[in-house]
Amino acid sequence: LGIVFDEGMTWEKHANAVRQKAYLGLNKIKRGSSTLNDDERRLLVNALVLPHLNYCMNTWRNTSSYVRKRFESLSRQINLVSQTNKSFEKMTNYSTALLSFKSVNKISPAYLTKRFVLCGNRNEKGELVGVNTRAARENKLCVQKTRNKYDSKHFFVM
């Protein structure tokens, strides 16, 4: 999968490797950008750069501010090339919202789907969650409490 681990599981080495791959793709697009129109540049950015960023994006939300600033710098470069206006924070928020939507509608892998339970529905143990509450009537999510520090750091829900 190309994941680079470091000693403290901070994702910093992996984030730097991903940024490097993204910059390589971005520089290739920049070299030929004089012959491309905006739609073609956007298409190339979506094909060559964004897949590197989108992989594991939800975990990078919890990295150090130094790494987030470097990704913000990369997103500004992407915006210049593709003529868009998406900050790294907007990209991570969108990614988290998309993952949540897929999990609630059961179109994501089972290990993610079981983390999202609508109030008034049954959790993976078969227990009813949030019955006869305002949240159940409004069809809201019941977010399970994290059991350890690892879960709270690497599974972020807005």
C-alpha atoms as a PDB file:
ATOM      1  CA  LEU A   1       0.000   0.000   0.000  1.00  0.00           C
ATOM      2  CA  GLY A   2       2.986   2.319   0.264  1.00  0.00           C
ATOM      3  CA  ILE A   3       2.492   3.323   3.887  1.00  0.00           C
ATOM      4  CA  VAL A   4       5.600   4.627   5.621  1.00  0.00           C
ATOM      5  CA  PHE A   5       5.590   4.044   9.369  1.00  0.00           C
ATOM      6  CA  ASP A   6       7.630   5.947  11.921  1.00  0.00           C
ATOM      7  CA  GLU A   7       8.486   5.126  15.509  1.00  0.00           C
ATOM      8  CA  GLY A   8       5.733   7.152  17.175  1.00  0.00           C
ATOM      9  CA  MET A   9       2.929   6.415  14.651  1.00  0.00           C
ATOM     10  CA  THR A  10       2.693  10.133  13.938  1.00  0.00           C
ATOM     11  CA  TRP A  11       2.279   9.653  10.163  1.00  0.00           C
ATOM     12  CA  GLU A  12       4.861  12.380   9.511  1.00  0.00           C
ATOM     13  CA  LYS A  13       7.152  10.218   7.351  1.00  0.00           C
ATOM     14  CA  HIS A  14       4.194   8.920   5.385  1.00  0.00           C
ATOM     15  CA  ALA A  15       2.804  12.432   4.945  1.00  0.00           C
ATOM     16  CA  ASN A  16       6.165  13.650   3.635  1.00  0.00           C
ATOM     17  CA  ALA A  17       6.358  10.749   1.172  1.00  0.00           C
ATOM     18  CA  VAL A  18       2.832  11.497  -0.042  1.00  0.00           C
ATOM     19  CA  ARG A  19       3.583  15.187  -0.427  1.00  0.00           C
ATOM     20  CA  GLN A  20       6.674  14.328  -2.463  1.00  0.00           C
ATOM     21  CA  LYS A  21       4.641  12.098  -4.818  1.00  0.00           C
ATOM     22  CA  ALA A  22       1.981  14.786  -5.159  1.00  0.00           C
ATOM     23  CA  TYR A  23       4.565  17.467  -5.958  1.00  0.00           C
ATOM     24  CA  LEU A  24       6.103  15.207  -8.637  1.00  0.00           C
ATOM     25  CA  GLY A  25       2.722  14.901 -10.354  1.00  0.00           C
ATOM     26  CA  LEU A  26       2.054  18.605  -9.933  1.00  0.00           C
ATOM     27  CA  ASN A  27       5.402  19.548 -11.477  1.00  0.00           C
ATOM     28  CA  LYS A  28       4.706  17.318 -14.488  1.00  0.00           C
ATOM     29  CA  ILE A  29       1.409  19.127 -14.999  1.00  0.00           C
ATOM     30  CA  LYS A  30       3.074  22.542 -14.603  1.00  0.00           C
ATOM     31  CA  ARG A  31       5.613  21.713 -17.324  1.00  0.00           C
ATOM     32  CA  GLY A  32       2.888  21.097 -19.878  1.00  0.00           C
ATOM     33  CA  SER A  33       0.346  23.572 -18.568  1.00  0.00           C
ATOM     34  CA  SER A  34       0.942  26.145 -21.311  1.00  0.00           C
ATOM     35  CA  THR A  35      -0.688  23.800 -23.832  1.00  0.00           C
ATOM     36  CA  LEU A  36      -3.576  22.753 -21.566  1.00  0.00           C
ATOM     37  CA  ASN A  37      -6.850  24.483 -20.807  1.00  0.00           C
ATOM     38  CA  ASP A  38      -8.340  24.689 -17.278  1.00  0.00           C
ATOM     39  CA  ASP A  39     -10.508  21.574 -17.615  1.00  0.00           C
ATOM     40  CA  GLU A  40      -7.574  19.470 -18.818  1.00  0.00           C
ATOM     41  CA  ARG A  41      -5.379  20.704 -15.968  1.00  0.00           C
ATOM     42  CA  ARG A  42      -8.121  19.930 -13.442  1.00  0.00           C
ATOM     43  CA  LEU A  43      -8.524  16.459 -14.928  1.00  0.00           C
ATOM     44  CA  LEU A  44      -4.783  15.796 -14.676  1.00  0.00           C
ATOM     45  CA  VAL A  45      -4.671  17.071 -11.085  1.00  0.00           C
ATOM     46  CA  ASN A  46      -7.564  14.738 -10.215  1.00  0.00           C
ATOM     47  CA  ALA A  47      -5.741  11.824 -11.861  1.00  0.00           C
ATOM     48  CA  LEU A  48      -2.099  12.414 -10.865  1.00  0.00           C
ATOM     49  CA  VAL A  49      -2.103  14.406  -7.623  1.00  0.00           C
ATOM     50  CA  LEU A  50      -5.303  14.035  -5.604  1.00  0.00           C
ATOM     51  CA  PRO A  51      -5.276  10.214  -5.309  1.00  0.00           C
ATOM     52  CA  HIS A  52      -2.055  10.493  -3.295  1.00  0.00           C
ATOM     53  CA  LEU A  53      -3.660  13.029  -0.963  1.00  0.00           C
ATOM     54  CA  ASN A  54      -6.994  11.272  -0.586  1.00  0.00           C
ATOM     55  CA  TYR A  55      -5.451   8.036   0.665  1.00  0.00           C
ATOM     56  CA  CYS A  56      -5.387   8.155   4.509  1.00  0.00           C
ATOM     57  CA  MET A  57      -6.528  11.788   4.509  1.00  0.00           C
ATOM     58  CA  ASN A  58      -8.732  11.287   7.563  1.00  0.00           C
ATOM     59  CA  THR A  59      -5.746  10.288   9.689  1.00  0.00           C
ATOM     60  CA  TRP A  60      -3.722  13.350   8.695  1.00  0.00           C
ATOM     61  CA  ARG A  61      -6.270  15.614  10.334  1.00  0.00           C
ATOM     62  CA  ASN A  62      -4.744  14.548  13.655  1.00  0.00           C
ATOM     63  CA  THR A  63      -1.087  15.029  12.748  1.00  0.00           C
ATOM     64  CA  SER A  64       1.087  17.872  13.958  1.00  0.00           C
ATOM     65  CA  SER A  65       0.380  21.446  12.912  1.00  0.00           C
ATOM     66  CA  TYR A  66       3.713  21.429  11.046  1.00  0.00           C
ATOM     67  CA  VAL A  67       2.527  18.624   8.748  1.00  0.00           C
ATOM     68  CA  ARG A  68      -0.894  20.246   8.267  1.00  0.00           C
ATOM     69  CA  LYS A  69       0.781  23.533   7.276  1.00  0.00           C
ATOM     70  CA  ARG A  70       2.863  21.694   4.693  1.00  0.00           C
ATOM     71  CA  PHE A  71      -0.272  20.086   3.261  1.00  0.00           C
ATOM     72  CA  GLU A  72      -1.943  23.497   3.222  1.00  0.00           C
ATOM     73  CA  SER A  73       1.007  24.768   1.174  1.00  0.00           C
ATOM     74  CA  LEU A  74       0.560  21.864  -1.242  1.00  0.00           C
ATOM     75  CA  SER A  75      -3.162  22.585  -1.563  1.00  0.00           C
ATOM     76  CA  ARG A  76      -2.375  26.212  -2.479  1.00  0.00           C
ATOM     77  CA  GLN A  77      -0.077  24.951  -5.257  1.00  0.00           C
ATOM     78  CA  ILE A  78      -2.833  22.618  -6.464  1.00  0.00           C
ATOM     79  CA  ASN A  79      -5.275  25.546  -6.490  1.00  0.00           C
ATOM     80  CA  LEU A  80      -2.893  27.610  -8.618  1.00  0.00           C
ATOM     81  CA  VAL A  81      -2.513  24.858 -11.199  1.00  0.00           C
ATOM     82  CA  SER A  82      -6.130  23.684 -11.330  1.00  0.00           C
ATOM     83  CA  GLN A  83      -7.800  27.092 -10.820  1.00  0.00           C
ATOM     84  CA  THR A  84      -9.808  25.847  -7.823  1.00  0.00           C
ATOM     85  CA  ASN A  85     -10.223  27.143  -4.291  1.00  0.00           C
ATOM     86  CA  LYS A  86     -10.044  24.192  -1.879  1.00  0.00           C
ATOM     87  CA  SER A  87      -8.043  24.402   1.311  1.00  0.00           C
ATOM     88  CA  PHE A  88      -6.602  21.267   2.860  1.00  0.00           C
ATOM     89  CA  GLU A  89      -9.117  21.608   5.690  1.00  0.00           C
ATOM     90  CA  LYS A  90     -12.004  21.667   3.186  1.00  0.00           C
ATOM     91  CA  MET A  91     -10.596  18.572   1.495  1.00  0.00           C
ATOM     92  CA  THR A  92     -10.327  16.677   4.795  1.00  0.00           C
ATOM     93  CA  ASN A  93     -13.820  17.780   5.860  1.00  0.00           C
ATOM     94  CA  TYR A  94     -15.232  16.580   2.531  1.00  0.00           C
ATOM     95  CA  SER A  95     -13.374  13.280   2.837  1.00  0.00           C
ATOM     96  CA  THR A  96     -14.698  12.735   6.367  1.00  0.00           C
ATOM     97  CA  ALA A  97     -18.257  13.620   5.320  1.00  0.00           C
ATOM     98  CA  LEU A  98     -18.062  11.254   2.343  1.00  0.00           C
ATOM     99  CA  LEU A  99     -16.721   8.435   4.502  1.00  0.00           C
ATOM    100  CA  SER A 100     -19.485   9.046   7.059  1.00  0.00           C
ATOM    101  CA  PHE A 101     -22.160   9.019   4.340  1.00  0.00           C
ATOM    102  CA  LYS A 102     -20.849   5.767   2.899  1.00  0.00           C
ATOM    103  CA  SER A 103     -20.699   4.180   6.335  1.00  0.00           C
ATOM    104  CA  VAL A 104     -24.223   5.213   7.350  1.00  0.00           C
ATOM    105  CA  ASN A 105     -25.620   3.933   4.039  1.00  0.00           C
ATOM    106  CA  LYS A 106     -23.641   0.687   4.349  1.00  0.00           C
ATOM    107  CA  ILE A 107     -21.602   1.130   1.169  1.00  0.00           C
ATOM    108  CA  SER A 108     -18.262   1.190   2.949  1.00  0.00           C
ATOM    109  CA  PRO A 109     -16.349  -1.794   4.353  1.00  0.00           C
ATOM    110  CA  ALA A 110     -17.972  -3.555   7.315  1.00  0.00           C
ATOM    111  CA  TYR A 111     -15.302  -2.485   9.801  1.00  0.00           C
ATOM    112  CA  LEU A 112     -16.272   1.158   9.169  1.00  0.00           C
ATOM    113  CA  THR A 113     -20.005   0.604   8.837  1.00  0.00           C
ATOM    114  CA  LYS A 114     -20.275  -0.900  12.315  1.00  0.00           C
ATOM    115  CA  ARG A 115     -18.790   2.276  13.844  1.00  0.00           C
ATOM    116  CA  PHE A 116     -21.743   4.366  12.630  1.00  0.00           C
ATOM    117  CA  VAL A 117     -25.106   3.622  14.207  1.00  0.00           C
ATOM    118  CA  LEU A 118     -28.242   5.706  13.760  1.00  0.00           C
ATOM    119  CA  CYS A 119     -29.939   6.400  17.077  1.00  0.00           C
ATOM    120  CA  GLY A 120     -32.879   4.053  17.489  1.00  0.00           C
ATOM    121  CA  ASN A 121     -31.136   1.289  15.511  1.00  0.00           C
ATOM    122  CA  ARG A 122     -29.243  -1.724  16.757  1.00  0.00           C
ATOM    123  CA  ASN A 123     -25.480  -1.668  17.208  1.00  0.00           C
ATOM    124  CA  GLU A 124     -23.177  -4.608  16.368  1.00  0.00           C
ATOM    125  CA  LYS A 125     -24.085  -6.316  19.676  1.00  0.00           C
ATOM    126  CA  GLY A 126     -27.795  -6.169  18.848  1.00  0.00           C
ATOM    127  CA  GLU A 127     -28.558  -3.545  21.505  1.00  0.00           C
ATOM    128  CA  LEU A 128     -30.898  -0.656  20.748  1.00  0.00           C
ATOM    129  CA  VAL A 129     -29.121   2.686  20.818  1.00  0.00           C
ATOM    130  CA  GLY A 130     -30.823   5.936  21.841  1.00  0.00           C
ATOM    131  CA  VAL A 131     -34.417   4.697  21.795  1.00  0.00           C
ATOM    132  CA  ASN A 132     -37.119   7.354  22.387  1.00  0.00           C
ATOM    133  CA  THR A 133     -34.676  10.223  22.443  1.00  0.00           C
ATOM    134  CA  ARG A 134     -34.661  13.440  20.487  1.00  0.00           C
ATOM    135  CA  ALA A 135     -31.624  12.164  18.566  1.00  0.00           C
ATOM    136  CA  ALA A 136     -33.511   9.021  17.526  1.00  0.00           C
ATOM    137  CA  ARG A 137     -36.496  11.050  16.332  1.00  0.00           C
ATOM    138  CA  GLU A 138     -34.217  13.326  14.306  1.00  0.00           C
ATOM    139  CA  ASN A 139     -32.380  10.332  12.798  1.00  0.00           C
ATOM    140  CA  LYS A 140     -28.996  11.411  14.157  1.00  0.00           C
ATOM    141  CA  LEU A 141     -25.849   9.368  14.522  1.00  0.00           C
ATOM    142  CA  CYS A 142     -24.934   7.849  17.858  1.00  0.00           C
ATOM    143  CA  VAL A 143     -21.160   8.039  17.927  1.00  0.00           C
ATOM    144  CA  GLN A 144     -19.622   5.306  20.002  1.00  0.00           C
ATOM    145  CA  LYS A 145     -17.202   6.345  22.707  1.00  0.00           C
ATOM    146  CA  THR A 146     -13.598   5.583  21.959  1.00  0.00           C
ATOM    147  CA  ARG A 147     -12.084   2.995  24.218  1.00  0.00           C
ATOM    148  CA  ASN A 148      -8.463   4.064  24.018  1.00  0.00           C
ATOM    149  CA  LYS A 149      -6.136   6.860  22.974  1.00  0.00           C
ATOM    150  CA  TYR A 150      -5.414   5.262  19.589  1.00  0.00           C
ATOM    151  CA  ASP A 151      -9.076   5.292  18.539  1.00  0.00           C
ATOM    152  CA  SER A 152      -9.607   8.886  19.592  1.00  0.00           C
ATOM    153  CA  LYS A 153      -6.511   9.995  17.682  1.00  0.00           C
ATOM    154  CA  HIS A 154      -7.069   8.087  14.458  1.00  0.00           C
ATOM    155  CA  PHE A 155     -10.833   7.955  14.084  1.00  0.00           C
ATOM    156  CA  PHE A 156     -12.109  11.484  13.946  1.00  0.00           C
ATOM    157  CA  VAL A 157     -15.773  12.339  13.490  1.00  0.00           C
ATOM    158  CA  MET A 158     -16.848  15.933  12.919  1.00  0.00           C
END
